[in-house]
């Protein structure tokens, strides 16, 4: 079981109850999206992935795709963010026959949005795997930063519980 991150012990500067940082990123089709597009309309499950999309990332993203109907029932938009280019994200998404939710490219400049969510490791050049639940008002309701281990997957049931409270 993945334990939620203890914010101050792990030097995460975003806190539950704070406004989520906005971003402007292209999805896998090149369409520009902002977190603020959902403000007042839908909750957002923001799933940040480190660097390039790989098999470990695929497992995470397929887990969200498999539970997309449950997220929809809770009026929640799933958004993936990684540091690959739009073209790579498009090819990757197509290889999975689509996921049913956007994969946003944090490629130019590299890690700009990931840094806003304090999940970028500049000295390593990649991001940490992070999950943020953001309510319709744009307020962070859950933060979880996960290990890079391929065996570690998010607790979807816990995420659904958090969203049921919104």
N, C-alpha and C. Protein backbone atom coordinates (compact mmCIF):
# COMPACT_ATOMS: atom_id res chain seq x y z
N UNK A 1 0.85 -1.18 0.00
CA UNK A 1 0.00 0.00 0.00
C UNK A 1 0.89 1.25 0.00
N UNK A 2 0.53 2.21 -0.82
CA UNK A 2 1.29 3.45 -0.92
C UNK A 2 0.79 4.39 0.17
N UNK A 3 1.72 4.92 0.94
CA UNK A 3 1.35 5.85 2.00
C UNK A 3 1.40 7.27 1.45
N UNK A 4 0.42 8.12 1.81
CA UNK A 4 0.48 9.50 1.37
C UNK A 4 1.76 10.17 1.87
N UNK A 5 2.25 11.07 1.09
CA UNK A 5 3.49 11.77 1.40
C UNK A 5 3.30 12.70 2.60
N UNK A 6 4.23 12.71 3.51
CA UNK A 6 4.24 13.69 4.59
C UNK A 6 4.92 14.92 4.04
N UNK A 7 4.15 15.96 3.85
CA UNK A 7 4.60 17.11 3.07
C UNK A 7 5.90 17.72 3.55
N UNK A 8 5.97 18.14 4.78
CA UNK A 8 7.15 18.86 5.26
C UNK A 8 8.38 17.96 5.34
N UNK A 9 8.18 16.69 5.63
CA UNK A 9 9.33 15.79 5.72
C UNK A 9 9.95 15.53 4.35
N UNK A 10 9.17 15.68 3.30
CA UNK A 10 9.68 15.40 1.96
C UNK A 10 9.94 16.67 1.16
N UNK A 11 9.90 17.83 1.83
CA UNK A 11 10.22 19.11 1.21
C UNK A 11 9.27 19.50 0.08
N UNK A 12 8.04 19.01 0.12
CA UNK A 12 7.04 19.43 -0.86
C UNK A 12 6.46 20.74 -0.35
N UNK A 13 6.49 21.77 -1.18
CA UNK A 13 6.05 23.08 -0.69
C UNK A 13 4.58 23.34 -0.96
N UNK A 14 3.90 22.53 -1.76
CA UNK A 14 2.46 22.67 -1.92
C UNK A 14 1.77 21.96 -0.77
N UNK A 15 0.66 22.51 -0.34
CA UNK A 15 -0.07 21.93 0.78
C UNK A 15 -1.53 21.72 0.42
N UNK A 16 -2.12 20.74 1.03
CA UNK A 16 -3.55 20.52 0.91
C UNK A 16 -4.24 21.77 1.43
N UNK A 17 -5.26 22.22 0.71
CA UNK A 17 -5.99 23.43 1.08
C UNK A 17 -5.52 24.67 0.34
N UNK A 18 -4.41 24.57 -0.38
CA UNK A 18 -3.91 25.70 -1.16
C UNK A 18 -4.45 25.62 -2.59
N UNK A 19 -4.41 26.77 -3.27
CA UNK A 19 -4.82 26.79 -4.67
C UNK A 19 -3.76 26.09 -5.52
N UNK A 20 -4.23 25.25 -6.44
CA UNK A 20 -3.32 24.53 -7.33
C UNK A 20 -2.75 25.49 -8.37
N UNK A 21 -1.46 25.37 -8.67
CA UNK A 21 -0.86 26.23 -9.70
C UNK A 21 -1.47 25.95 -11.08
N UNK A 22 -1.77 27.00 -11.80
CA UNK A 22 -2.29 26.84 -13.16
C UNK A 22 -1.13 26.49 -14.09
N UNK A 23 -1.45 25.96 -15.23
CA UNK A 23 -0.44 25.65 -16.24
C UNK A 23 -1.07 25.81 -17.62
N UNK A 24 -0.21 25.89 -18.61
CA UNK A 24 -0.61 25.93 -20.02
C UNK A 24 0.26 24.92 -20.74
N UNK A 25 -0.36 23.80 -21.13
CA UNK A 25 0.39 22.70 -21.75
C UNK A 25 -0.40 22.11 -22.92
N UNK A 26 0.30 21.66 -23.96
CA UNK A 26 -0.39 20.99 -25.06
C UNK A 26 -0.65 19.52 -24.73
N UNK A 27 -1.82 19.04 -25.18
CA UNK A 27 -2.10 17.62 -25.03
C UNK A 27 -1.45 16.84 -26.17
N UNK A 28 -1.71 15.55 -26.24
CA UNK A 28 -1.08 14.70 -27.24
C UNK A 28 -1.49 15.05 -28.67
N UNK A 29 -2.53 15.88 -28.81
CA UNK A 29 -2.96 16.33 -30.14
C UNK A 29 -2.55 17.77 -30.42
N UNK A 30 -1.79 18.37 -29.50
CA UNK A 30 -1.33 19.74 -29.68
C UNK A 30 -2.30 20.80 -29.18
N UNK A 31 -3.46 20.39 -28.66
CA UNK A 31 -4.43 21.35 -28.13
C UNK A 31 -3.94 21.88 -26.79
N UNK A 32 -3.93 23.21 -26.64
CA UNK A 32 -3.46 23.84 -25.40
C UNK A 32 -4.53 23.71 -24.32
N UNK A 33 -4.10 23.27 -23.15
CA UNK A 33 -5.01 23.09 -22.02
C UNK A 33 -4.44 23.83 -20.82
N UNK A 34 -5.35 24.28 -19.97
CA UNK A 34 -5.00 24.95 -18.72
C UNK A 34 -5.75 24.24 -17.59
N UNK A 35 -5.15 24.19 -16.43
CA UNK A 35 -5.88 23.67 -15.27
C UNK A 35 -7.12 24.52 -15.04
N UNK A 36 -6.99 25.83 -15.23
CA UNK A 36 -8.10 26.75 -14.99
C UNK A 36 -9.30 26.50 -15.92
N UNK A 37 -9.11 25.73 -17.00
CA UNK A 37 -10.23 25.37 -17.88
C UNK A 37 -11.30 24.60 -17.11
N UNK A 38 -10.91 23.96 -16.02
CA UNK A 38 -11.83 23.10 -15.25
C UNK A 38 -12.38 23.79 -14.00
N UNK A 39 -11.82 24.93 -13.66
CA UNK A 39 -12.22 25.64 -12.44
C UNK A 39 -13.71 25.99 -12.51
N UNK A 40 -14.43 25.64 -11.45
CA UNK A 40 -15.86 25.87 -11.39
C UNK A 40 -16.68 24.85 -12.14
N UNK A 41 -16.01 23.90 -12.80
CA UNK A 41 -16.72 22.93 -13.64
C UNK A 41 -16.53 21.48 -13.20
N UNK A 42 -15.26 21.10 -12.97
CA UNK A 42 -14.96 19.69 -12.68
C UNK A 42 -13.80 19.60 -11.70
N UNK A 43 -13.78 18.51 -10.94
CA UNK A 43 -12.60 18.16 -10.16
C UNK A 43 -11.54 17.69 -11.16
N UNK A 44 -10.29 17.68 -10.73
CA UNK A 44 -9.20 17.21 -11.60
C UNK A 44 -8.32 16.24 -10.81
N UNK A 45 -8.03 15.10 -11.42
CA UNK A 45 -7.01 14.18 -10.92
C UNK A 45 -5.81 14.41 -11.82
N UNK A 46 -4.78 15.01 -11.27
CA UNK A 46 -3.58 15.35 -12.02
C UNK A 46 -2.51 14.30 -11.71
N UNK A 47 -2.08 13.58 -12.74
CA UNK A 47 -1.09 12.51 -12.57
C UNK A 47 0.19 12.89 -13.30
N UNK A 48 1.22 13.27 -12.54
CA UNK A 48 2.51 13.63 -13.11
C UNK A 48 3.39 12.40 -13.19
N UNK A 49 4.07 12.25 -14.32
CA UNK A 49 4.97 11.13 -14.54
C UNK A 49 6.37 11.64 -14.81
N UNK A 50 7.38 10.91 -14.36
CA UNK A 50 8.75 11.36 -14.57
C UNK A 50 9.19 11.20 -16.02
N UNK A 51 9.88 12.19 -16.52
CA UNK A 51 10.56 12.09 -17.81
C UNK A 51 9.76 11.45 -18.91
N UNK A 52 10.37 10.51 -19.58
CA UNK A 52 9.75 9.84 -20.72
C UNK A 52 8.72 8.83 -20.23
N UNK A 53 7.68 8.64 -21.06
CA UNK A 53 6.70 7.60 -20.75
C UNK A 53 7.34 6.25 -21.02
N UNK A 54 7.19 5.34 -20.07
CA UNK A 54 7.79 4.01 -20.19
C UNK A 54 6.79 2.98 -19.69
N UNK A 55 7.20 1.72 -19.53
CA UNK A 55 6.28 0.67 -19.11
C UNK A 55 5.70 0.92 -17.73
N UNK A 56 6.49 1.46 -16.83
CA UNK A 56 5.99 1.77 -15.49
C UNK A 56 4.90 2.83 -15.58
N UNK A 57 5.12 3.86 -16.38
CA UNK A 57 4.11 4.91 -16.57
C UNK A 57 2.86 4.32 -17.20
N UNK A 58 3.06 3.39 -18.14
CA UNK A 58 1.92 2.76 -18.80
C UNK A 58 1.01 2.10 -17.77
N UNK A 59 1.59 1.39 -16.80
CA UNK A 59 0.78 0.73 -15.77
C UNK A 59 -0.04 1.74 -14.99
N UNK A 60 0.56 2.86 -14.63
CA UNK A 60 -0.15 3.91 -13.90
C UNK A 60 -1.30 4.44 -14.72
N UNK A 61 -1.01 4.83 -15.95
CA UNK A 61 -2.01 5.47 -16.78
C UNK A 61 -3.13 4.52 -17.16
N UNK A 62 -2.80 3.25 -17.38
CA UNK A 62 -3.85 2.28 -17.67
C UNK A 62 -4.75 2.05 -16.45
N UNK A 63 -4.19 2.17 -15.27
CA UNK A 63 -4.99 2.06 -14.04
C UNK A 63 -6.04 3.17 -14.00
N UNK A 64 -5.65 4.39 -14.35
CA UNK A 64 -6.62 5.49 -14.41
C UNK A 64 -7.63 5.25 -15.52
N UNK A 65 -7.17 4.79 -16.68
CA UNK A 65 -8.08 4.54 -17.81
C UNK A 65 -9.09 3.46 -17.45
N UNK A 66 -8.64 2.42 -16.75
CA UNK A 66 -9.55 1.34 -16.35
C UNK A 66 -10.63 1.81 -15.39
N UNK A 67 -10.38 2.89 -14.68
CA UNK A 67 -11.32 3.42 -13.70
C UNK A 67 -11.94 4.74 -14.15
N UNK A 68 -11.84 5.05 -15.43
CA UNK A 68 -12.31 6.33 -15.94
C UNK A 68 -13.80 6.55 -15.68
N UNK A 69 -14.61 5.52 -15.81
CA UNK A 69 -16.06 5.66 -15.57
C UNK A 69 -16.32 6.08 -14.12
N UNK A 70 -15.56 5.54 -13.19
CA UNK A 70 -15.73 5.93 -11.78
C UNK A 70 -15.34 7.39 -11.57
N UNK A 71 -14.26 7.83 -12.21
CA UNK A 71 -13.86 9.23 -12.10
C UNK A 71 -14.92 10.13 -12.72
N UNK A 72 -15.46 9.71 -13.86
CA UNK A 72 -16.52 10.49 -14.52
C UNK A 72 -17.73 10.64 -13.62
N UNK A 73 -18.11 9.55 -12.93
CA UNK A 73 -19.25 9.59 -12.01
C UNK A 73 -19.05 10.63 -10.91
N UNK A 74 -17.80 10.89 -10.56
CA UNK A 74 -17.47 11.85 -9.52
C UNK A 74 -17.08 13.21 -10.11
N UNK A 75 -17.51 13.42 -11.37
CA UNK A 75 -17.30 14.69 -12.06
C UNK A 75 -15.83 15.11 -12.04
N UNK A 76 -14.97 14.15 -12.38
CA UNK A 76 -13.53 14.36 -12.31
C UNK A 76 -12.87 14.12 -13.66
N UNK A 77 -12.05 15.08 -14.07
CA UNK A 77 -11.25 14.96 -15.28
C UNK A 77 -9.87 14.44 -14.90
N UNK A 78 -9.44 13.36 -15.54
CA UNK A 78 -8.09 12.85 -15.35
C UNK A 78 -7.19 13.54 -16.37
N UNK A 79 -6.05 14.05 -15.91
CA UNK A 79 -5.05 14.66 -16.78
C UNK A 79 -3.69 14.05 -16.44
N UNK A 80 -3.01 13.52 -17.42
CA UNK A 80 -1.64 13.05 -17.24
C UNK A 80 -0.68 14.14 -17.70
N UNK A 81 0.45 14.26 -17.03
CA UNK A 81 1.50 15.20 -17.44
C UNK A 81 2.83 14.46 -17.43
N UNK A 82 3.60 14.63 -18.50
CA UNK A 82 4.96 14.09 -18.51
C UNK A 82 5.86 15.05 -19.27
N UNK A 83 7.12 14.72 -19.36
CA UNK A 83 8.09 15.63 -19.97
C UNK A 83 8.50 15.20 -21.38
N UNK A 84 7.70 14.35 -22.01
CA UNK A 84 7.92 13.99 -23.41
C UNK A 84 7.33 15.06 -24.32
N UNK A 85 7.71 15.02 -25.58
CA UNK A 85 7.16 15.95 -26.58
C UNK A 85 5.73 15.56 -26.94
N UNK A 86 5.02 16.48 -27.57
CA UNK A 86 3.66 16.21 -28.03
C UNK A 86 3.66 15.01 -28.98
N UNK A 87 4.60 14.98 -29.91
CA UNK A 87 4.66 13.89 -30.90
C UNK A 87 4.87 12.53 -30.21
N UNK A 88 5.77 12.48 -29.24
CA UNK A 88 6.01 11.22 -28.52
C UNK A 88 4.77 10.82 -27.73
N UNK A 89 4.11 11.79 -27.08
CA UNK A 89 2.89 11.48 -26.32
C UNK A 89 1.79 10.96 -27.24
N UNK A 90 1.68 11.56 -28.44
CA UNK A 90 0.67 11.12 -29.40
C UNK A 90 0.94 9.68 -29.81
N UNK A 91 2.17 9.37 -30.17
CA UNK A 91 2.52 8.01 -30.58
C UNK A 91 2.30 7.03 -29.44
N UNK A 92 2.68 7.42 -28.25
CA UNK A 92 2.56 6.55 -27.09
C UNK A 92 1.09 6.28 -26.79
N UNK A 93 0.26 7.33 -26.82
CA UNK A 93 -1.17 7.18 -26.57
C UNK A 93 -1.82 6.28 -27.62
N UNK A 94 -1.44 6.48 -28.87
CA UNK A 94 -1.99 5.64 -29.95
C UNK A 94 -1.59 4.18 -29.77
N UNK A 95 -0.39 3.94 -29.27
CA UNK A 95 0.06 2.56 -29.06
C UNK A 95 -0.80 1.84 -28.02
N UNK A 96 -1.48 2.63 -27.19
CA UNK A 96 -2.38 2.06 -26.17
C UNK A 96 -3.84 2.16 -26.60
N UNK A 97 -4.08 2.46 -27.87
CA UNK A 97 -5.43 2.66 -28.39
C UNK A 97 -6.15 3.79 -27.66
N UNK A 98 -5.39 4.79 -27.27
CA UNK A 98 -5.96 5.94 -26.56
C UNK A 98 -6.22 5.59 -25.10
N UNK A 99 -6.28 6.58 -24.28
CA UNK A 99 -6.49 6.35 -22.85
C UNK A 99 -7.85 6.87 -22.38
N UNK A 100 -8.44 7.77 -23.15
CA UNK A 100 -9.70 8.37 -22.74
C UNK A 100 -9.52 9.66 -21.96
N UNK A 101 -8.27 10.07 -21.78
CA UNK A 101 -7.98 11.34 -21.13
C UNK A 101 -6.69 11.91 -21.72
N UNK A 102 -6.51 13.23 -21.59
CA UNK A 102 -5.33 13.87 -22.19
C UNK A 102 -4.03 13.54 -21.47
N UNK A 103 -2.97 13.46 -22.27
CA UNK A 103 -1.60 13.38 -21.76
C UNK A 103 -0.94 14.69 -22.18
N UNK A 104 -0.60 15.51 -21.21
CA UNK A 104 -0.05 16.83 -21.47
C UNK A 104 1.47 16.80 -21.51
N UNK A 105 2.02 17.57 -22.41
CA UNK A 105 3.47 17.60 -22.60
C UNK A 105 4.08 18.77 -21.84
N UNK A 106 4.93 18.46 -20.86
CA UNK A 106 5.67 19.46 -20.10
C UNK A 106 7.10 19.50 -20.62
N UNK A 107 7.21 19.62 -21.95
CA UNK A 107 8.49 19.46 -22.64
C UNK A 107 9.18 20.79 -22.97
N UNK A 108 8.40 21.86 -23.12
CA UNK A 108 8.99 23.10 -23.61
C UNK A 108 8.47 24.30 -22.85
N UNK A 109 9.18 24.85 -21.88
CA UNK A 109 10.49 24.38 -21.42
C UNK A 109 10.35 23.12 -20.57
N UNK A 110 11.35 22.29 -20.55
CA UNK A 110 11.28 21.01 -19.84
C UNK A 110 10.99 21.19 -18.35
N UNK A 111 9.91 20.55 -17.91
CA UNK A 111 9.61 20.50 -16.48
C UNK A 111 9.01 21.76 -15.89
N UNK A 112 8.54 22.70 -16.70
CA UNK A 112 8.01 23.96 -16.17
C UNK A 112 6.82 23.72 -15.23
N UNK A 113 5.81 22.98 -15.69
CA UNK A 113 4.64 22.70 -14.84
C UNK A 113 5.01 21.73 -13.73
N UNK A 114 5.86 20.76 -14.03
CA UNK A 114 6.28 19.79 -13.02
C UNK A 114 6.99 20.51 -11.87
N UNK A 115 7.74 21.53 -12.19
CA UNK A 115 8.41 22.33 -11.17
C UNK A 115 7.39 23.08 -10.31
N UNK A 116 6.34 23.62 -10.93
CA UNK A 116 5.29 24.31 -10.18
C UNK A 116 4.64 23.39 -9.14
N UNK A 117 4.61 22.11 -9.44
CA UNK A 117 4.03 21.14 -8.52
C UNK A 117 5.10 20.49 -7.65
N UNK A 118 6.27 21.09 -7.64
CA UNK A 118 7.40 20.66 -6.82
C UNK A 118 7.72 19.17 -7.00
N UNK A 119 7.62 18.73 -8.26
CA UNK A 119 7.93 17.34 -8.57
C UNK A 119 9.07 17.21 -9.56
N UNK A 120 9.79 18.30 -9.81
CA UNK A 120 10.90 18.26 -10.75
C UNK A 120 12.20 18.13 -9.97
N UNK A 121 13.09 17.27 -10.44
CA UNK A 121 14.39 17.07 -9.81
C UNK A 121 15.42 17.63 -10.79
N UNK A 122 15.74 18.94 -10.68
CA UNK A 122 16.61 19.58 -11.68
C UNK A 122 17.96 18.90 -11.88
N UNK A 123 18.60 18.49 -10.80
CA UNK A 123 19.92 17.88 -10.94
C UNK A 123 19.89 16.53 -11.65
N UNK A 124 18.70 15.92 -11.69
CA UNK A 124 18.55 14.63 -12.38
C UNK A 124 17.91 14.80 -13.76
N UNK A 125 17.21 15.93 -13.97
CA UNK A 125 16.58 16.19 -15.25
C UNK A 125 15.28 15.45 -15.48
N UNK A 126 14.62 15.01 -14.42
CA UNK A 126 13.34 14.33 -14.58
C UNK A 126 12.42 14.72 -13.43
N UNK A 127 11.17 14.30 -13.55
CA UNK A 127 10.18 14.60 -12.52
C UNK A 127 9.88 13.41 -11.65
N UNK A 128 9.33 13.69 -10.48
CA UNK A 128 8.84 12.64 -9.59
C UNK A 128 7.42 12.28 -10.01
N UNK A 129 6.99 11.09 -9.67
CA UNK A 129 5.63 10.67 -9.95
C UNK A 129 4.72 11.24 -8.85
N UNK A 130 3.81 12.11 -9.23
CA UNK A 130 2.94 12.75 -8.25
C UNK A 130 1.48 12.69 -8.66
N UNK A 131 0.62 12.64 -7.65
CA UNK A 131 -0.82 12.61 -7.88
C UNK A 131 -1.43 13.74 -7.05
N UNK A 132 -2.23 14.56 -7.70
CA UNK A 132 -2.89 15.68 -7.05
C UNK A 132 -4.37 15.62 -7.35
N UNK A 133 -5.19 15.67 -6.31
CA UNK A 133 -6.64 15.80 -6.48
C UNK A 133 -6.96 17.27 -6.23
N UNK A 134 -7.59 17.88 -7.22
CA UNK A 134 -7.91 19.31 -7.18
C UNK A 134 -9.42 19.45 -7.32
N UNK A 135 -10.04 20.18 -6.38
CA UNK A 135 -11.50 20.29 -6.43
C UNK A 135 -11.94 21.34 -7.46
N UNK A 136 -13.24 21.49 -7.62
CA UNK A 136 -13.79 22.39 -8.62
C UNK A 136 -13.42 23.85 -8.38
N UNK A 137 -13.07 24.19 -7.17
CA UNK A 137 -12.66 25.57 -6.87
C UNK A 137 -11.18 25.79 -7.15
N UNK A 138 -10.47 24.71 -7.54
CA UNK A 138 -9.04 24.83 -7.83
C UNK A 138 -8.17 24.62 -6.61
N UNK A 139 -8.73 24.03 -5.55
CA UNK A 139 -8.02 23.82 -4.30
C UNK A 139 -7.49 22.38 -4.24
N UNK A 140 -6.24 22.23 -3.83
CA UNK A 140 -5.63 20.90 -3.70
C UNK A 140 -6.27 20.18 -2.51
N UNK A 141 -6.78 18.98 -2.75
CA UNK A 141 -7.42 18.17 -1.71
C UNK A 141 -6.62 16.92 -1.35
N UNK A 142 -5.66 16.57 -2.17
CA UNK A 142 -4.85 15.37 -1.91
C UNK A 142 -3.55 15.50 -2.67
N UNK A 143 -2.45 15.13 -2.01
CA UNK A 143 -1.13 15.11 -2.64
C UNK A 143 -0.48 13.77 -2.30
N UNK A 144 0.05 13.15 -3.32
CA UNK A 144 0.75 11.88 -3.11
C UNK A 144 1.93 11.85 -4.07
N UNK A 145 3.12 11.68 -3.55
CA UNK A 145 4.29 11.53 -4.40
C UNK A 145 4.78 10.11 -4.19
N UNK A 146 4.92 9.38 -5.30
CA UNK A 146 5.21 7.97 -5.21
C UNK A 146 6.65 7.65 -5.57
N UNK A 147 7.07 6.49 -5.12
CA UNK A 147 8.42 6.03 -5.45
C UNK A 147 8.48 5.73 -6.93
N UNK A 148 9.67 5.63 -7.44
CA UNK A 148 9.84 5.33 -8.87
C UNK A 148 9.77 3.83 -9.15
N UNK A 149 9.52 3.05 -8.14
CA UNK A 149 9.44 1.60 -8.32
C UNK A 149 8.28 1.22 -9.23
N UNK A 150 8.53 0.36 -10.18
CA UNK A 150 7.50 -0.08 -11.11
C UNK A 150 6.39 -0.84 -10.40
N UNK A 151 6.69 -1.42 -9.25
CA UNK A 151 5.69 -2.20 -8.53
C UNK A 151 4.73 -1.32 -7.73
N UNK A 152 5.03 -0.06 -7.57
CA UNK A 152 4.22 0.84 -6.78
C UNK A 152 3.18 1.49 -7.67
N UNK A 153 1.91 1.28 -7.33
CA UNK A 153 0.82 1.89 -8.09
C UNK A 153 -0.06 2.69 -7.15
N UNK A 154 -0.74 3.70 -7.69
CA UNK A 154 -1.61 4.51 -6.84
C UNK A 154 -2.77 3.69 -6.30
N UNK A 155 -3.26 4.09 -5.15
CA UNK A 155 -4.42 3.46 -4.54
C UNK A 155 -5.66 4.16 -5.08
N UNK A 156 -6.21 3.62 -6.16
CA UNK A 156 -7.35 4.25 -6.83
C UNK A 156 -8.54 4.35 -5.89
N UNK A 157 -8.74 3.35 -5.04
CA UNK A 157 -9.87 3.38 -4.13
C UNK A 157 -9.76 4.56 -3.17
N UNK A 158 -8.57 4.84 -2.71
CA UNK A 158 -8.37 6.01 -1.83
C UNK A 158 -8.64 7.31 -2.60
N UNK A 159 -8.16 7.38 -3.84
CA UNK A 159 -8.41 8.58 -4.65
C UNK A 159 -9.90 8.79 -4.86
N UNK A 160 -10.63 7.70 -5.09
CA UNK A 160 -12.08 7.81 -5.26
C UNK A 160 -12.76 8.27 -3.97
N UNK A 161 -12.26 7.79 -2.83
CA UNK A 161 -12.79 8.25 -1.54
C UNK A 161 -12.59 9.75 -1.35
N UNK A 162 -11.41 10.23 -1.70
CA UNK A 162 -11.12 11.66 -1.58
C UNK A 162 -12.10 12.44 -2.48
N UNK A 163 -12.32 11.96 -3.69
CA UNK A 163 -13.21 12.66 -4.63
C UNK A 163 -14.66 12.60 -4.19
N UNK A 164 -15.07 11.54 -3.51
CA UNK A 164 -16.45 11.44 -3.05
C UNK A 164 -16.77 12.52 -2.03
N UNK A 165 -15.77 13.02 -1.34
CA UNK A 165 -15.97 14.06 -0.34
C UNK A 165 -16.17 15.43 -0.98
N UNK A 166 -15.85 15.55 -2.26
CA UNK A 166 -15.93 16.86 -2.94
C UNK A 166 -17.31 17.12 -3.47
